[in-house]
Protein backbone atom coordinates (compact mmCIF):
# COMPACT_ATOMS: atom_id res chain seq x y z
CA MET A 1 4.49 -25.64 -3.00
CA ALA A 2 3.04 -22.97 -0.79
CA LYS A 3 0.66 -20.52 -2.37
CA LYS A 4 1.76 -16.86 -2.43
CA LYS A 5 -0.38 -14.30 -0.67
CA GLY A 6 -2.22 -12.19 -3.20
CA THR A 7 -1.99 -8.43 -3.31
CA ARG A 8 -5.77 -8.04 -2.89
CA ILE A 9 -7.13 -8.77 0.57
CA ILE A 10 -10.63 -8.70 2.06
CA ILE A 11 -11.14 -6.03 4.73
CA THR A 12 -13.97 -5.13 7.12
CA LEU A 13 -15.17 -1.54 7.50
CA GLU A 14 -16.94 -0.55 10.73
CA CYS A 15 -18.95 2.59 11.58
CA THR A 16 -17.03 4.86 13.96
CA GLN A 17 -20.13 6.54 15.44
CA CYS A 18 -21.97 3.29 16.30
CA ARG A 19 -18.90 1.86 17.97
CA SER A 20 -18.39 4.82 20.33
CA ASN A 21 -22.05 5.81 20.96
CA ASN A 22 -23.62 4.04 23.96
CA GLN A 23 -27.00 5.84 23.72
CA LYS A 24 -28.03 4.84 20.20
CA ARG A 25 -31.57 4.14 19.08
CA SER A 26 -30.94 0.49 18.12
CA VAL A 27 -28.41 -2.15 19.08
CA GLY A 28 -25.76 -3.00 16.52
CA VAL A 29 -22.76 -1.79 14.58
CA SER A 30 -22.76 -1.25 10.82
CA ARG A 31 -20.12 -3.32 9.01
CA TYR A 32 -19.22 -3.62 5.34
CA THR A 33 -16.72 -5.89 3.61
CA SER A 34 -14.55 -4.73 0.75
CA GLN A 35 -11.25 -5.46 -0.96
CA LYS A 36 -8.09 -3.43 -1.11
CA ASN A 37 -4.77 -3.75 -2.86
CA ARG A 38 -2.12 -4.23 -0.18
CA GLN A 39 0.69 -2.79 -2.33
CA ASN A 40 -1.07 0.43 -3.36
CA THR A 41 -2.80 1.21 -0.05
CA SER A 42 -0.74 0.02 2.88
CA PHE A 43 -2.55 2.30 5.35
CA ARG A 44 -6.00 1.66 6.87
CA LEU A 45 -8.95 2.72 4.72
CA GLU A 46 -11.60 5.24 5.76
CA LEU A 47 -14.68 5.47 3.55
CA LYS A 48 -17.97 7.32 3.87
CA LYS A 49 -20.71 4.68 3.77
CA TYR A 50 -24.38 4.57 4.78
CA CYS A 51 -25.05 3.37 8.33
CA PRO A 52 -28.54 1.88 8.77
CA TYR A 53 -28.29 2.24 12.57
CA CYS A 54 -27.52 5.99 12.43
CA ASN A 55 -29.63 6.61 9.28
CA LYS A 56 -26.81 8.78 7.90
CA HIS A 57 -23.63 8.56 5.87
CA ARG A 58 -20.78 8.12 8.35
CA ILE A 59 -17.07 7.38 8.21
CA HIS A 60 -16.33 3.66 8.29
CA LYS A 61 -12.79 2.64 9.28
CA GLU A 62 -10.96 -0.57 8.52
CA ILE A 63 -10.72 -3.04 11.40
CA LYS A 64 -8.66 -6.21 11.72
């Protein structure tokens, strides 16, 4: 029997400022992994997390 997909999935959050900024002080993009419930939050998550490349709290958006 095939296993059902669970309601909780693992997502990746990426810093929006690091992705769009070409003149940053260090090379890299801040990424975090988290889980979300697919039934309760069907939209893409946006969380404020610390970015070590920007040295600030920035908005991190969910990527595929």
